[in-house]
């Protein structure tokens, strides 16, 4: 049975996407609940945001966005949706 090589690429890239989502969630959860579980009186503020929000939501979003751009540019492959034998 012949397996299309595009499936191997798709599975690898799907695992990369799931891994990136898990890392993003762990980053967000770690900062949001790690720093955010303190009493409000102990919060420090960065640019007017509580530090837990700044690191979990703003810095996390920026880092994940940069990571996605780098992955799309250098790691992920452009795969044709056309069948190999199609001439149309």
PDB file of N, CA and C in Angstrom:
ATOM      1  N   UNK A   1       0.846  -1.186   0.000  1.00  0.00           N
ATOM      2  CA  UNK A   1       0.000   0.000   0.000  1.00  0.00           C
ATOM      3  C   UNK A   1       0.889   1.247   0.000  1.00  0.00           C
ATOM      4  N   UNK A   2       0.601   2.151  -0.894  1.00  0.00           N
ATOM      5  CA  UNK A   2       1.389   3.367  -1.049  1.00  0.00           C
ATOM      6  C   UNK A   2       0.838   4.459  -0.139  1.00  0.00           C
ATOM      7  N   UNK A   3       1.728   5.074   0.629  1.00  0.00           N
ATOM      8  CA  UNK A   3       1.309   6.201   1.469  1.00  0.00           C
ATOM      9  C   UNK A   3       1.893   7.480   0.887  1.00  0.00           C
ATOM     10  N   UNK A   4       1.022   8.415   0.657  1.00  0.00           N
ATOM     11  CA  UNK A   4       1.424   9.698   0.100  1.00  0.00           C
ATOM     12  C   UNK A   4       2.413  10.385   1.057  1.00  0.00           C
ATOM     13  N   UNK A   5       3.566  10.831   0.565  1.00  0.00           N
ATOM     14  CA  UNK A   5       4.550  11.481   1.447  1.00  0.00           C
ATOM     15  C   UNK A   5       4.041  12.793   2.070  1.00  0.00           C
ATOM     16  N   UNK A   6       2.997  13.355   1.489  1.00  0.00           N
ATOM     17  CA  UNK A   6       2.424  14.574   2.057  1.00  0.00           C
ATOM     18  C   UNK A   6       1.827  14.319   3.438  1.00  0.00           C
ATOM     19  N   UNK A   7       1.352  13.082   3.667  1.00  0.00           N
ATOM     20  CA  UNK A   7       0.793  12.754   4.973  1.00  0.00           C
ATOM     21  C   UNK A   7       1.862  12.762   6.053  1.00  0.00           C
ATOM     22  N   UNK A   8       3.053  12.293   5.723  1.00  0.00           N
ATOM     23  CA  UNK A   8       4.161  12.303   6.689  1.00  0.00           C
ATOM     24  C   UNK A   8       4.505  13.748   7.074  1.00  0.00           C
ATOM     25  N   UNK A   9       4.550  14.631   6.083  1.00  0.00           N
ATOM     26  CA  UNK A   9       4.823  16.045   6.337  1.00  0.00           C
ATOM     27  C   UNK A   9       3.694  16.652   7.165  1.00  0.00           C
ATOM     28  N   UNK A  10       2.447  16.343   6.816  1.00  0.00           N
ATOM     29  CA  UNK A  10       1.294  16.898   7.537  1.00  0.00           C
ATOM     30  C   UNK A  10       1.280  16.436   8.991  1.00  0.00           C
ATOM     31  N   UNK A  11       1.598  15.172   9.234  1.00  0.00           N
ATOM     32  CA  UNK A  11       1.619  14.661  10.609  1.00  0.00           C
ATOM     33  C   UNK A  11       2.709  15.342  11.427  1.00  0.00           C
ATOM     34  N   UNK A  12       3.871  15.509  10.836  1.00  0.00           N
ATOM     35  CA  UNK A  12       4.983  16.169  11.540  1.00  0.00           C
ATOM     36  C   UNK A  12       4.618  17.615  11.871  1.00  0.00           C
ATOM     37  N   UNK A  13       4.048  18.308  10.914  1.00  0.00           N
ATOM     38  CA  UNK A  13       3.681  19.710  11.143  1.00  0.00           C
ATOM     39  C   UNK A  13       2.513  19.834  12.117  1.00  0.00           C
ATOM     40  N   UNK A  14       1.609  18.864  12.127  1.00  0.00           N
ATOM     41  CA  UNK A  14       0.526  18.868  13.116  1.00  0.00           C
ATOM     42  C   UNK A  14       1.094  18.686  14.520  1.00  0.00           C
ATOM     43  N   UNK A  15       2.067  17.799  14.679  1.00  0.00           N
ATOM     44  CA  UNK A  15       2.701  17.617  15.982  1.00  0.00           C
ATOM     45  C   UNK A  15       3.433  18.890  16.424  1.00  0.00           C
ATOM     46  N   UNK A  16       4.065  19.572  15.487  1.00  0.00           N
ATOM     47  CA  UNK A  16       4.720  20.843  15.805  1.00  0.00           C
ATOM     48  C   UNK A  16       3.677  21.849  16.292  1.00  0.00           C
ATOM     49  N   UNK A  17       2.539  21.922  15.614  1.00  0.00           N
ATOM     50  CA  UNK A  17       1.469  22.840  16.011  1.00  0.00           C
ATOM     51  C   UNK A  17       0.904  22.511  17.384  1.00  0.00           C
ATOM     52  N   UNK A  18       0.674  21.242  17.657  1.00  0.00           N
ATOM     53  CA  UNK A  18       0.167  20.837  18.965  1.00  0.00           C
ATOM     54  C   UNK A  18       1.206  21.148  20.044  1.00  0.00           C
ATOM     55  N   UNK A  19       2.470  20.856  19.752  1.00  0.00           N
ATOM     56  CA  UNK A  19       3.538  21.156  20.710  1.00  0.00           C
ATOM     57  C   UNK A  19       3.614  22.647  21.012  1.00  0.00           C
ATOM     58  N   UNK A  20       3.484  23.462  19.995  1.00  0.00           N
ATOM     59  CA  UNK A  20       3.515  24.915  20.184  1.00  0.00           C
ATOM     60  C   UNK A  20       2.328  25.379  21.026  1.00  0.00           C
ATOM     61  N   UNK A  21       1.149  24.801  20.788  1.00  0.00           N
ATOM     62  CA  UNK A  21      -0.027  25.154  21.579  1.00  0.00           C
ATOM     63  C   UNK A  21       0.147  24.754  23.045  1.00  0.00           C
ATOM     64  N   UNK A  22       0.736  23.593  23.293  1.00  0.00           N
ATOM     65  CA  UNK A  22       0.977  23.136  24.661  1.00  0.00           C
ATOM     66  C   UNK A  22       1.980  24.053  25.351  1.00  0.00           C
ATOM     67  N   UNK A  23       3.053  24.415  24.656  1.00  0.00           N
ATOM     68  CA  UNK A  23       4.051  25.319  25.239  1.00  0.00           C
ATOM     69  C   UNK A  23       3.413  26.666  25.559  1.00  0.00           C
ATOM     70  N   UNK A  24       2.587  27.182  24.648  1.00  0.00           N
ATOM     71  CA  UNK A  24       1.927  28.460  24.885  1.00  0.00           C
ATOM     72  C   UNK A  24       1.012  28.377  26.096  1.00  0.00           C
ATOM     73  N   UNK A  25       0.246  27.293  26.206  1.00  0.00           N
ATOM     74  CA  UNK A  25      -0.639  27.136  27.356  1.00  0.00           C
ATOM     75  C   UNK A  25       0.168  27.061  28.646  1.00  0.00           C
ATOM     76  N   UNK A  26       1.247  26.298  28.669  1.00  0.00           N
ATOM     77  CA  UNK A  26       2.070  26.184  29.879  1.00  0.00           C
ATOM     78  C   UNK A  26       2.673  27.533  30.264  1.00  0.00           C
ATOM     79  N   UNK A  27       3.121  28.289  29.269  1.00  0.00           N
ATOM     80  CA  UNK A  27       3.653  29.639  29.526  1.00  0.00           C
ATOM     81  C   UNK A  27       2.568  30.501  30.171  1.00  0.00           C
ATOM     82  N   UNK A  28       1.386  30.524  29.528  1.00  0.00           N
ATOM     83  CA  UNK A  28       0.299  31.340  30.026  1.00  0.00           C
ATOM     84  C   UNK A  28      -0.114  30.906  31.428  1.00  0.00           C
ATOM     85  N   UNK A  29      -0.326  29.617  31.618  1.00  0.00           N
ATOM     86  CA  UNK A  29      -0.771  29.093  32.907  1.00  0.00           C
ATOM     87  C   UNK A  29       0.259  29.365  34.002  1.00  0.00           C
ATOM     88  N   UNK A  30       1.531  29.148  33.681  1.00  0.00           N
ATOM     89  CA  UNK A  30       2.589  29.354  34.663  1.00  0.00           C
ATOM     90  C   UNK A  30       2.656  30.781  35.166  1.00  0.00           C
ATOM     91  N   UNK A  31       2.608  31.725  34.264  1.00  0.00           N
ATOM     92  CA  UNK A  31       2.674  33.125  34.685  1.00  0.00           C
ATOM     93  C   UNK A  31       1.348  33.619  35.258  1.00  0.00           C
ATOM     94  N   UNK A  32       0.227  33.253  34.632  1.00  0.00           N
ATOM     95  CA  UNK A  32      -1.065  33.751  35.102  1.00  0.00           C
ATOM     96  C   UNK A  32      -1.385  33.239  36.502  1.00  0.00           C
ATOM     97  N   UNK A  33      -1.169  31.957  36.735  1.00  0.00           N
ATOM     98  CA  UNK A  33      -1.509  31.411  38.047  1.00  0.00           C
ATOM     99  C   UNK A  33      -0.322  31.411  38.998  1.00  0.00           C
ATOM    100  N   UNK A  34       0.875  31.424  38.459  1.00  0.00           N
ATOM    101  CA  UNK A  34       2.050  31.488  39.321  1.00  0.00           C
ATOM    102  C   UNK A  34       2.206  32.857  39.964  1.00  0.00           C
ATOM    103  N   UNK A  35       2.245  33.887  39.145  1.00  0.00           N
ATOM    104  CA  UNK A  35       2.373  35.250  39.663  1.00  0.00           C
ATOM    105  C   UNK A  35       1.029  35.823  40.104  1.00  0.00           C
ATOM    106  N   UNK A  36      -0.055  35.372  39.490  1.00  0.00           N
ATOM    107  CA  UNK A  36      -1.365  35.941  39.774  1.00  0.00           C
ATOM    108  C   UNK A  36      -2.007  35.416  41.043  1.00  0.00           C
ATOM    109  N   UNK A  37      -1.423  34.403  41.650  1.00  0.00           N
ATOM    110  CA  UNK A  37      -2.032  33.833  42.851  1.00  0.00           C
ATOM    111  C   UNK A  37      -1.644  34.578  44.130  1.00  0.00           C
ATOM    112  N   UNK A  38      -0.807  35.594  43.984  1.00  0.00           N
ATOM    113  CA  UNK A  38      -0.428  36.394  45.146  1.00  0.00           C
ATOM    114  C   UNK A  38      -1.557  37.339  45.536  1.00  0.00           C
ATOM    115  N   UNK A  39      -1.516  37.861  46.748  1.00  0.00           N
ATOM    116  CA  UNK A  39      -2.492  38.899  47.110  1.00  0.00           C
ATOM    117  C   UNK A  39      -2.296  40.139  46.225  1.00  0.00           C
ATOM    118  N   UNK A  40      -3.370  40.822  45.954  1.00  0.00           N
ATOM    119  CA  UNK A  40      -3.340  41.978  45.054  1.00  0.00           C
ATOM    120  C   UNK A  40      -2.374  43.048  45.553  1.00  0.00           C
ATOM    121  N   UNK A  41      -2.231  43.178  46.843  1.00  0.00           N
ATOM    122  CA  UNK A  41      -1.335  44.196  47.398  1.00  0.00           C
ATOM    123  C   UNK A  41       0.125  43.946  47.025  1.00  0.00           C
ATOM    124  N   UNK A  42       0.478  42.711  46.690  1.00  0.00           N
ATOM    125  CA  UNK A  42       1.864  42.362  46.354  1.00  0.00           C
ATOM    126  C   UNK A  42       2.163  42.439  44.860  1.00  0.00           C
ATOM    127  N   UNK A  43       1.170  42.766  44.039  1.00  0.00           N
ATOM    128  CA  UNK A  43       1.392  42.852  42.594  1.00  0.00           C
ATOM    129  C   UNK A  43       2.382  43.958  42.274  1.00  0.00           C
ATOM    130  N   UNK A  44       3.187  43.710  41.268  1.00  0.00           N
ATOM    131  CA  UNK A  44       3.991  44.776  40.673  1.00  0.00           C
ATOM    132  C   UNK A  44       3.413  45.030  39.285  1.00  0.00           C
ATOM    133  N   UNK A  45       3.638  46.229  38.777  1.00  0.00           N
ATOM    134  CA  UNK A  45       3.007  46.620  37.513  1.00  0.00           C
ATOM    135  C   UNK A  45       4.057  46.960  36.470  1.00  0.00           C
ATOM    136  N   UNK A  46       3.792  46.544  35.235  1.00  0.00           N
ATOM    137  CA  UNK A  46       4.658  46.827  34.098  1.00  0.00           C
ATOM    138  C   UNK A  46       3.782  47.488  33.038  1.00  0.00           C
ATOM    139  N   UNK A  47       4.113  48.709  32.670  1.00  0.00           N
ATOM    140  CA  UNK A  47       3.331  49.487  31.698  1.00  0.00           C
ATOM    141  C   UNK A  47       1.858  49.579  32.094  1.00  0.00           C
ATOM    142  N   UNK A  48       1.603  49.597  33.387  1.00  0.00           N
ATOM    143  CA  UNK A  48       0.240  49.712  33.880  1.00  0.00           C
ATOM    144  C   UNK A  48      -0.499  48.394  34.022  1.00  0.00           C
ATOM    145  N   UNK A  49       0.113  47.293  33.600  1.00  0.00           N
ATOM    146  CA  UNK A  49      -0.502  45.976  33.715  1.00  0.00           C
ATOM    147  C   UNK A  49       0.098  45.234  34.904  1.00  0.00           C
ATOM    148  N   UNK A  50      -0.695  44.414  35.590  1.00  0.00           N
ATOM    149  CA  UNK A  50      -0.100  43.558  36.612  1.00  0.00           C
ATOM    150  C   UNK A  50       0.950  42.656  35.956  1.00  0.00           C
ATOM    151  N   UNK A  51       2.029  42.359  36.675  1.00  0.00           N
ATOM    152  CA  UNK A  51       3.120  41.586  36.067  1.00  0.00           C
ATOM    153  C   UNK A  51       2.664  40.238  35.542  1.00  0.00           C
ATOM    154  N   UNK A  52       1.738  39.567  36.230  1.00  0.00           N
ATOM    155  CA  UNK A  52       1.291  38.265  35.753  1.00  0.00           C
ATOM    156  C   UNK A  52       0.591  38.383  34.402  1.00  0.00           C
ATOM    157  N   UNK A  53      -0.209  39.434  34.210  1.00  0.00           N
ATOM    158  CA  UNK A  53      -0.887  39.638  32.936  1.00  0.00           C
ATOM    159  C   UNK A  53       0.107  40.010  31.841  1.00  0.00           C
ATOM    160  N   UNK A  54       1.039  40.891  32.165  1.00  0.00           N
ATOM    161  CA  UNK A  54       2.027  41.329  31.186  1.00  0.00           C
ATOM    162  C   UNK A  54       2.827  40.145  30.652  1.00  0.00           C
ATOM    163  N   UNK A  55       3.343  39.299  31.563  1.00  0.00           N
ATOM    164  CA  UNK A  55       4.158  38.162  31.124  1.00  0.00           C
ATOM    165  C   UNK A  55       3.326  37.058  30.480  1.00  0.00           C
ATOM    166  N   UNK A  56       2.145  36.776  31.014  1.00  0.00           N
ATOM    167  CA  UNK A  56       1.369  35.664  30.466  1.00  0.00           C
ATOM    168  C   UNK A  56       0.684  36.022  29.153  1.00  0.00           C
ATOM    169  N   UNK A  57       0.098  37.195  29.064  1.00  0.00           N
ATOM    170  CA  UNK A  57      -0.700  37.540  27.883  1.00  0.00           C
ATOM    171  C   UNK A  57       0.052  38.357  26.840  1.00  0.00           C
ATOM    172  N   UNK A  58       0.824  39.323  27.251  1.00  0.00           N
ATOM    173  CA  UNK A  58       1.480  40.202  26.273  1.00  0.00           C
ATOM    174  C   UNK A  58       2.795  39.598  25.796  1.00  0.00           C
ATOM    175  N   UNK A  59       3.704  39.301  26.721  1.00  0.00           N
ATOM    176  CA  UNK A  59       4.994  38.718  26.324  1.00  0.00           C
ATOM    177  C   UNK A  59       4.781  37.338  25.704  1.00  0.00           C
ATOM    178  N   UNK A  60       3.883  36.547  26.289  1.00  0.00           N
ATOM    179  CA  UNK A  60       3.601  35.217  25.739  1.00  0.00           C
ATOM    180  C   UNK A  60       3.103  35.285  24.310  1.00  0.00           C
ATOM    181  N   UNK A  61       2.177  36.196  24.044  1.00  0.00           N
ATOM    182  CA  UNK A  61       1.647  36.363  22.687  1.00  0.00           C
ATOM    183  C   UNK A  61       2.753  36.770  21.710  1.00  0.00           C
ATOM    184  N   UNK A  62       3.588  37.702  22.119  1.00  0.00           N
ATOM    185  CA  UNK A  62       4.667  38.166  21.238  1.00  0.00           C
ATOM    186  C   UNK A  62       5.651  37.031  20.946  1.00  0.00           C
ATOM    187  N   UNK A  63       6.052  36.289  21.979  1.00  0.00           N
ATOM    188  CA  UNK A  63       7.001  35.188  21.773  1.00  0.00           C
ATOM    189  C   UNK A  63       6.421  34.077  20.904  1.00  0.00           C
ATOM    190  N   UNK A  64       5.165  33.716  21.137  1.00  0.00           N
ATOM    191  CA  UNK A  64       4.549  32.664  20.330  1.00  0.00           C
ATOM    192  C   UNK A  64       4.373  33.144  18.886  1.00  0.00           C
ATOM    193  N   UNK A  65       4.023  34.404  18.690  1.00  0.00           N
ATOM    194  CA  UNK A  65       3.877  34.939  17.332  1.00  0.00           C
ATOM    195  C   UNK A  65       5.207  34.894  16.580  1.00  0.00           C
ATOM    196  N   UNK A  66       6.279  35.296  17.242  1.00  0.00           N
ATOM    197  CA  UNK A  66       7.608  35.245  16.617  1.00  0.00           C
ATOM    198  C   UNK A  66       7.991  33.797  16.308  1.00  0.00           C
ATOM    199  N   UNK A  67       7.690  32.886  17.230  1.00  0.00           N
ATOM    200  CA  UNK A  67       8.001  31.473  17.015  1.00  0.00           C
ATOM    201  C   UNK A  67       7.232  30.920  15.819  1.00  0.00           C
ATOM    202  N   UNK A  68       5.957  31.272  15.681  1.00  0.00           N
ATOM    203  CA  UNK A  68       5.155  30.808  14.550  1.00  0.00           C
ATOM    204  C   UNK A  68       5.731  31.348  13.238  1.00  0.00           C
ATOM    205  N   UNK A  69       6.140  32.602  13.211  1.00  0.00           N
ATOM    206  CA  UNK A  69       6.717  33.185  12.004  1.00  0.00           C
ATOM    207  C   UNK A  69       8.007  32.454  11.624  1.00  0.00           C
ATOM    208  N   UNK A  70       8.860  32.195  12.603  1.00  0.00           N
ATOM    209  CA  UNK A  70      10.119  31.476  12.339  1.00  0.00           C
ATOM    210  C   UNK A  70       9.838  30.056  11.856  1.00  0.00           C
ATOM    211  N   UNK A  71       8.904  29.365  12.508  1.00  0.00           N
ATOM    212  CA  UNK A  71       8.555  28.010  12.079  1.00  0.00           C
ATOM    213  C   UNK A  71       8.012  28.007  10.651  1.00  0.00           C
ATOM    214  N   UNK A  72       7.122  28.943  10.343  1.00  0.00           N
ATOM    215  CA  UNK A  72       6.530  28.984   9.007  1.00  0.00           C
ATOM    216  C   UNK A  72       7.572  29.303   7.942  1.00  0.00           C
ATOM    217  N   UNK A  73       8.544  30.120   8.292  1.00  0.00           N
ATOM    218  CA  UNK A  73       9.540  30.529   7.310  1.00  0.00           C
ATOM    219  C   UNK A  73      10.619  29.469   7.081  1.00  0.00           C
ATOM    220  N   UNK A  74      11.057  28.785   8.167  1.00  0.00           N
ATOM    221  CA  UNK A  74      12.222  27.914   8.051  1.00  0.00           C
ATOM    222  C   UNK A  74      11.953  26.424   8.257  1.00  0.00           C
ATOM    223  N   UNK A  75      10.883  26.051   8.912  1.00  0.00           N
ATOM    224  CA  UNK A  75      10.668  24.644   9.240  1.00  0.00           C
ATOM    225  C   UNK A  75       9.534  24.016   8.430  1.00  0.00           C
ATOM    226  N   UNK A  76       8.382  24.677   8.379  1.00  0.00           N
ATOM    227  CA  UNK A  76       7.230  24.120   7.682  1.00  0.00           C
ATOM    228  C   UNK A  76       7.458  24.162   6.177  1.00  0.00           C
ATOM    229  N   UNK A  77       6.884  23.159   5.485  1.00  0.00           N
ATOM    230  CA  UNK A  77       7.105  23.032   4.042  1.00  0.00           C
ATOM    231  C   UNK A  77       5.839  23.383   3.274  1.00  0.00           C
ATOM    232  N   UNK A  78       6.022  23.944   2.109  1.00  0.00           N
ATOM    233  CA  UNK A  78       4.918  24.224   1.208  1.00  0.00           C
ATOM    234  C   UNK A  78       4.616  22.939   0.441  1.00  0.00           C
ATOM    235  N   UNK A  79       3.397  22.433   0.594  1.00  0.00           N
ATOM    236  CA  UNK A  79       3.021  21.166  -0.024  1.00  0.00           C
ATOM    237  C   UNK A  79       1.875  21.420  -0.993  1.00  0.00           C
ATOM    238  N   UNK A  80       1.998  20.878  -2.187  1.00  0.00           N
ATOM    239  CA  UNK A  80       0.961  21.029  -3.198  1.00  0.00           C
ATOM    240  C   UNK A  80      -0.238  20.143  -2.854  1.00  0.00           C
ATOM    241  N   UNK A  81      -1.441  20.654  -3.099  1.00  0.00           N
ATOM    242  CA  UNK A  81      -2.647  19.868  -2.878  1.00  0.00           C
ATOM    243  C   UNK A  81      -3.023  19.066  -4.119  1.00  0.00           C
ATOM    244  N   UNK A  82      -2.356  19.290  -5.212  1.00  0.00           N
ATOM    245  CA  UNK A  82      -2.642  18.594  -6.460  1.00  0.00           C
ATOM    246  C   UNK A  82      -2.122  17.165  -6.403  1.00  0.00           C
ATOM    247  N   UNK A  83      -2.864  16.262  -7.029  1.00  0.00           N
ATOM    248  CA  UNK A  83      -2.389  14.876  -7.155  1.00  0.00           C
ATOM    249  C   UNK A  83      -1.168  14.886  -8.068  1.00  0.00           C
ATOM    250  N   UNK A  84      -0.260  13.958  -7.838  1.00  0.00           N
ATOM    251  CA  UNK A  84       0.971  13.931  -8.639  1.00  0.00           C
ATOM    252  C   UNK A  84       0.690  13.687 -10.117  1.00  0.00           C
ATOM    253  N   UNK A  85      -0.361  12.948 -10.444  1.00  0.00           N
ATOM    254  CA  UNK A  85      -0.654  12.630 -11.835  1.00  0.00           C
ATOM    255  C   UNK A  85      -1.569  13.621 -12.514  1.00  0.00           C
ATOM    256  N   UNK A  86      -2.088  14.601 -11.807  1.00  0.00           N
ATOM    257  CA  UNK A  86      -3.008  15.589 -12.384  1.00  0.00           C
ATOM    258  C   UNK A  86      -2.289  16.494 -13.374  1.00  0.00           C
ATOM    259  N   UNK A  87      -2.898  16.688 -14.510  1.00  0.00           N
ATOM    260  CA  UNK A  87      -2.349  17.590 -15.516  1.00  0.00           C
ATOM    261  C   UNK A  87      -3.230  18.830 -15.678  1.00  0.00           C
ATOM    262  N   UNK A  88      -4.339  18.905 -14.952  1.00  0.00           N
ATOM    263  CA  UNK A  88      -5.281  20.012 -15.134  1.00  0.00           C
ATOM    264  C   UNK A  88      -4.916  21.229 -14.365  1.00  0.00           C
TER     265      UNK A  88
END
